[in-house]
């Protein structure tokens, strides 16, 4: 299990991590060059993490205002396949850069 203290101390650009925490990714991982994938196969990058946090914060504000935002679709075969594909691409990219 990752926690912010261990992640901050131990992560390096050679690593690939899975995380659902956009805040953790933005503050600790992406700035260090760590490749991060969420469970649905989305890859966090310097460009995408700011947008992800903005959308998350906006949705939080709507929910606090009483709006039913519905949430994510159930995690199923499509999401599992997207994660497997993203993981395969990231591992392939890592192997190619090592040679």
N, C-alpha and C. Protein backbone atom coordinates (compact mmCIF):
# COMPACT_ATOMS: atom_id res chain seq x y z
N UNK A 1 0.84 -1.18 0.00
CA UNK A 1 0.00 0.00 0.00
C UNK A 1 0.88 1.25 0.00
N UNK A 2 0.59 2.15 -0.88
CA UNK A 2 1.35 3.38 -0.94
C UNK A 2 0.83 4.38 0.07
N UNK A 3 1.73 5.09 0.70
CA UNK A 3 1.31 6.25 1.47
C UNK A 3 2.23 7.39 1.07
N UNK A 4 1.84 8.61 1.39
CA UNK A 4 2.58 9.75 0.86
C UNK A 4 4.01 9.80 1.38
N UNK A 5 4.26 9.40 2.63
CA UNK A 5 5.62 9.44 3.16
C UNK A 5 6.52 8.46 2.41
N UNK A 6 6.08 7.23 2.23
CA UNK A 6 6.88 6.24 1.51
C UNK A 6 7.02 6.61 0.05
N UNK A 7 5.96 7.10 -0.55
CA UNK A 7 5.99 7.46 -1.96
C UNK A 7 6.97 8.60 -2.20
N UNK A 8 6.94 9.60 -1.36
CA UNK A 8 7.82 10.75 -1.51
C UNK A 8 9.28 10.32 -1.39
N UNK A 9 9.57 9.44 -0.47
CA UNK A 9 10.93 9.03 -0.19
C UNK A 9 11.46 8.03 -1.21
N UNK A 10 10.62 7.13 -1.71
CA UNK A 10 11.10 5.99 -2.45
C UNK A 10 10.87 6.03 -3.95
N UNK A 11 9.96 6.83 -4.44
CA UNK A 11 9.64 6.78 -5.87
C UNK A 11 10.73 7.45 -6.71
N UNK A 12 10.90 6.92 -7.93
CA UNK A 12 11.90 7.46 -8.83
C UNK A 12 11.39 7.38 -10.27
N UNK A 13 12.03 8.09 -11.19
CA UNK A 13 11.56 8.10 -12.58
C UNK A 13 11.53 6.73 -13.26
N UNK A 14 12.21 5.76 -12.71
CA UNK A 14 12.22 4.44 -13.31
C UNK A 14 11.00 3.61 -12.91
N UNK A 15 10.13 4.16 -12.09
CA UNK A 15 9.01 3.39 -11.56
C UNK A 15 7.70 3.65 -12.31
N UNK A 16 6.83 2.67 -12.20
CA UNK A 16 5.47 2.75 -12.71
C UNK A 16 4.55 2.42 -11.55
N UNK A 17 3.64 3.33 -11.25
CA UNK A 17 2.73 3.13 -10.13
C UNK A 17 1.28 3.23 -10.57
N UNK A 18 0.40 2.61 -9.81
CA UNK A 18 -1.05 2.72 -9.98
C UNK A 18 -1.56 3.52 -8.81
N UNK A 19 -2.36 4.55 -9.10
CA UNK A 19 -2.91 5.38 -8.03
C UNK A 19 -4.23 5.99 -8.47
N UNK A 20 -5.14 6.13 -7.51
CA UNK A 20 -6.39 6.85 -7.75
C UNK A 20 -6.34 8.26 -7.20
N UNK A 21 -5.30 8.59 -6.47
CA UNK A 21 -5.20 9.88 -5.80
C UNK A 21 -4.56 10.93 -6.70
N UNK A 22 -5.40 11.77 -7.29
CA UNK A 22 -4.89 12.82 -8.18
C UNK A 22 -3.99 13.79 -7.41
N UNK A 23 -4.33 14.07 -6.18
CA UNK A 23 -3.52 15.00 -5.39
C UNK A 23 -2.13 14.40 -5.12
N UNK A 24 -2.07 13.13 -4.75
CA UNK A 24 -0.79 12.45 -4.54
C UNK A 24 0.03 12.47 -5.82
N UNK A 25 -0.62 12.17 -6.92
CA UNK A 25 0.07 12.14 -8.20
C UNK A 25 0.64 13.51 -8.53
N UNK A 26 -0.15 14.55 -8.34
CA UNK A 26 0.29 15.89 -8.71
C UNK A 26 1.44 16.38 -7.84
N UNK A 27 1.36 16.14 -6.55
CA UNK A 27 2.36 16.70 -5.66
C UNK A 27 3.62 15.87 -5.52
N UNK A 28 3.49 14.56 -5.64
CA UNK A 28 4.64 13.71 -5.32
C UNK A 28 5.21 12.91 -6.48
N UNK A 29 4.38 12.52 -7.42
CA UNK A 29 4.84 11.56 -8.41
C UNK A 29 5.18 12.16 -9.76
N UNK A 30 4.24 12.84 -10.38
CA UNK A 30 4.48 13.39 -11.72
C UNK A 30 5.67 14.35 -11.73
N UNK A 31 5.83 15.23 -10.73
CA UNK A 31 7.01 16.12 -10.76
C UNK A 31 8.34 15.36 -10.71
N UNK A 32 8.35 14.15 -10.17
CA UNK A 32 9.58 13.36 -10.10
C UNK A 32 9.77 12.51 -11.36
N UNK A 33 8.81 12.55 -12.29
CA UNK A 33 8.93 11.78 -13.51
C UNK A 33 8.46 10.34 -13.40
N UNK A 34 7.74 10.03 -12.33
CA UNK A 34 7.22 8.67 -12.14
C UNK A 34 6.01 8.49 -13.05
N UNK A 35 5.95 7.37 -13.76
CA UNK A 35 4.80 7.06 -14.61
C UNK A 35 3.67 6.55 -13.72
N UNK A 36 2.46 7.12 -13.87
CA UNK A 36 1.34 6.75 -13.02
C UNK A 36 0.11 6.48 -13.88
N UNK A 37 -0.56 5.35 -13.58
CA UNK A 37 -1.78 4.94 -14.27
C UNK A 37 -2.87 4.79 -13.22
N UNK A 38 -4.08 5.23 -13.55
CA UNK A 38 -5.18 4.99 -12.60
C UNK A 38 -5.83 3.65 -12.93
N UNK A 39 -6.69 3.14 -12.05
CA UNK A 39 -7.27 1.81 -12.25
C UNK A 39 -8.11 1.66 -13.52
N UNK A 40 -8.51 2.76 -14.14
CA UNK A 40 -9.31 2.71 -15.36
C UNK A 40 -8.46 2.86 -16.61
N UNK A 41 -7.13 2.89 -16.43
CA UNK A 41 -6.23 2.93 -17.58
C UNK A 41 -5.83 4.31 -18.05
N UNK A 42 -6.24 5.35 -17.34
CA UNK A 42 -5.83 6.70 -17.70
C UNK A 42 -4.42 6.95 -17.17
N UNK A 43 -3.58 7.51 -18.01
CA UNK A 43 -2.21 7.81 -17.62
C UNK A 43 -2.15 9.26 -17.16
N UNK A 44 -1.60 9.47 -15.97
CA UNK A 44 -1.42 10.83 -15.46
C UNK A 44 -0.14 11.42 -16.05
N UNK A 45 -0.24 12.64 -16.55
CA UNK A 45 0.91 13.36 -17.08
C UNK A 45 0.91 14.77 -16.50
N UNK A 46 2.01 15.49 -16.73
CA UNK A 46 2.08 16.89 -16.29
C UNK A 46 0.91 17.69 -16.88
N UNK A 47 0.55 17.37 -18.13
CA UNK A 47 -0.51 18.11 -18.81
C UNK A 47 -1.91 17.73 -18.29
N UNK A 48 -2.12 16.45 -18.01
CA UNK A 48 -3.46 16.00 -17.67
C UNK A 48 -3.83 16.14 -16.20
N UNK A 49 -2.85 16.17 -15.31
CA UNK A 49 -3.16 16.14 -13.89
C UNK A 49 -3.86 17.41 -13.42
N UNK A 50 -3.48 18.56 -13.95
CA UNK A 50 -4.15 19.80 -13.57
C UNK A 50 -5.62 19.79 -13.97
N UNK A 51 -5.89 19.31 -15.17
CA UNK A 51 -7.27 19.22 -15.64
C UNK A 51 -8.07 18.24 -14.77
N UNK A 52 -7.47 17.10 -14.45
CA UNK A 52 -8.16 16.11 -13.61
C UNK A 52 -8.55 16.69 -12.26
N UNK A 53 -7.61 17.43 -11.65
CA UNK A 53 -7.90 18.04 -10.35
C UNK A 53 -8.96 19.13 -10.46
N UNK A 54 -8.94 19.90 -11.53
CA UNK A 54 -9.95 20.94 -11.73
C UNK A 54 -11.34 20.34 -11.86
N UNK A 55 -11.46 19.29 -12.64
CA UNK A 55 -12.76 18.62 -12.81
C UNK A 55 -13.21 18.03 -11.49
N UNK A 56 -12.29 17.37 -10.77
CA UNK A 56 -12.65 16.79 -9.48
C UNK A 56 -13.14 17.86 -8.51
N UNK A 57 -12.42 18.98 -8.43
CA UNK A 57 -12.82 20.07 -7.53
C UNK A 57 -14.17 20.66 -7.93
N UNK A 58 -14.39 20.81 -9.22
CA UNK A 58 -15.67 21.33 -9.71
C UNK A 58 -16.82 20.39 -9.33
N UNK A 59 -16.61 19.10 -9.52
CA UNK A 59 -17.65 18.12 -9.17
C UNK A 59 -17.90 18.12 -7.66
N UNK A 60 -16.85 18.28 -6.87
CA UNK A 60 -17.02 18.37 -5.41
C UNK A 60 -17.88 19.57 -5.04
N UNK A 61 -17.64 20.71 -5.69
CA UNK A 61 -18.43 21.91 -5.43
C UNK A 61 -19.90 21.69 -5.80
N UNK A 62 -20.14 21.03 -6.92
CA UNK A 62 -21.52 20.73 -7.31
C UNK A 62 -22.21 19.84 -6.27
N UNK A 63 -21.51 18.79 -5.82
CA UNK A 63 -22.08 17.90 -4.81
C UNK A 63 -22.35 18.63 -3.51
N UNK A 64 -21.44 19.51 -3.12
CA UNK A 64 -21.65 20.28 -1.89
C UNK A 64 -22.84 21.22 -2.03
N UNK A 65 -23.14 21.61 -3.25
CA UNK A 65 -24.29 22.47 -3.52
C UNK A 65 -25.59 21.69 -3.68
N UNK A 66 -25.53 20.36 -3.52
CA UNK A 66 -26.73 19.54 -3.58
C UNK A 66 -27.01 18.90 -4.92
N UNK A 67 -26.12 19.06 -5.89
CA UNK A 67 -26.32 18.46 -7.20
C UNK A 67 -25.89 16.99 -7.17
N UNK A 68 -26.73 16.11 -7.70
CA UNK A 68 -26.38 14.69 -7.79
C UNK A 68 -25.58 14.50 -9.08
N UNK A 69 -24.28 14.26 -8.93
CA UNK A 69 -23.40 14.15 -10.10
C UNK A 69 -23.28 12.73 -10.63
N UNK A 70 -23.80 11.76 -9.92
CA UNK A 70 -23.85 10.39 -10.43
C UNK A 70 -22.61 9.55 -10.19
N UNK A 71 -21.43 10.11 -10.33
CA UNK A 71 -20.21 9.34 -10.09
C UNK A 71 -19.77 8.53 -11.31
N UNK A 72 -18.75 7.69 -11.09
CA UNK A 72 -18.20 6.86 -12.16
C UNK A 72 -19.14 5.71 -12.51
N UNK A 73 -19.00 5.24 -13.73
CA UNK A 73 -19.68 4.02 -14.14
C UNK A 73 -19.05 2.85 -13.38
N UNK A 74 -19.74 1.75 -13.23
CA UNK A 74 -19.16 0.59 -12.55
C UNK A 74 -17.88 0.12 -13.22
N UNK A 75 -16.97 -0.42 -12.41
CA UNK A 75 -15.71 -0.94 -12.92
C UNK A 75 -15.98 -2.31 -13.52
N UNK A 76 -15.71 -2.46 -14.80
CA UNK A 76 -16.01 -3.72 -15.47
C UNK A 76 -14.92 -4.15 -16.43
N UNK A 77 -15.28 -5.01 -17.34
CA UNK A 77 -14.32 -5.59 -18.29
C UNK A 77 -13.65 -4.51 -19.15
N UNK A 78 -14.41 -3.51 -19.57
CA UNK A 78 -13.84 -2.44 -20.40
C UNK A 78 -12.74 -1.69 -19.65
N UNK A 79 -12.98 -1.39 -18.39
CA UNK A 79 -12.01 -0.67 -17.57
C UNK A 79 -10.78 -1.54 -17.28
N UNK A 80 -11.01 -2.82 -17.02
CA UNK A 80 -9.90 -3.74 -16.80
C UNK A 80 -9.01 -3.82 -18.03
N UNK A 81 -9.63 -3.89 -19.19
CA UNK A 81 -8.87 -3.97 -20.44
C UNK A 81 -8.10 -2.68 -20.70
N UNK A 82 -8.72 -1.54 -20.42
CA UNK A 82 -8.04 -0.25 -20.59
C UNK A 82 -6.82 -0.17 -19.68
N UNK A 83 -6.95 -0.65 -18.43
CA UNK A 83 -5.82 -0.66 -17.52
C UNK A 83 -4.72 -1.58 -18.03
N UNK A 84 -5.09 -2.78 -18.46
CA UNK A 84 -4.11 -3.74 -18.98
C UNK A 84 -3.37 -3.17 -20.19
N UNK A 85 -4.08 -2.51 -21.07
CA UNK A 85 -3.45 -1.90 -22.25
C UNK A 85 -2.49 -0.78 -21.85
N UNK A 86 -2.92 0.09 -20.92
CA UNK A 86 -2.05 1.18 -20.47
C UNK A 86 -0.81 0.64 -19.77
N UNK A 87 -0.99 -0.40 -18.97
CA UNK A 87 0.14 -1.03 -18.28
C UNK A 87 1.11 -1.63 -19.30
N UNK A 88 0.59 -2.31 -20.29
CA UNK A 88 1.43 -2.90 -21.33
C UNK A 88 2.23 -1.83 -22.07
N UNK A 89 1.57 -0.73 -22.44
CA UNK A 89 2.26 0.36 -23.14
C UNK A 89 3.37 0.96 -22.27
N UNK A 90 3.06 1.18 -20.99
CA UNK A 90 4.04 1.78 -20.08
C UNK A 90 5.24 0.84 -19.86
N UNK A 91 4.97 -0.44 -19.69
CA UNK A 91 6.06 -1.40 -19.50
C UNK A 91 6.92 -1.52 -20.76
N UNK A 92 6.28 -1.52 -21.91
CA UNK A 92 7.02 -1.58 -23.18
C UNK A 92 7.90 -0.35 -23.34
N UNK A 93 7.34 0.81 -23.04
CA UNK A 93 8.10 2.06 -23.14
C UNK A 93 9.30 2.02 -22.18
N UNK A 94 9.09 1.51 -20.97
CA UNK A 94 10.18 1.42 -19.99
C UNK A 94 11.28 0.47 -20.47
N UNK A 95 10.87 -0.64 -21.04
CA UNK A 95 11.87 -1.60 -21.54
C UNK A 95 12.66 -1.03 -22.71
N UNK A 96 11.99 -0.29 -23.58
CA UNK A 96 12.67 0.29 -24.74
C UNK A 96 13.65 1.38 -24.35
N UNK A 97 13.35 2.11 -23.29
CA UNK A 97 14.25 3.19 -22.87
C UNK A 97 15.45 2.67 -22.09
N UNK A 98 15.37 1.43 -21.61
CA UNK A 98 16.49 0.85 -20.85
C UNK A 98 17.59 0.33 -21.76
N UNK A 99 17.24 0.05 -23.02
CA UNK A 99 18.23 -0.57 -23.91
C UNK A 99 19.00 0.46 -24.69
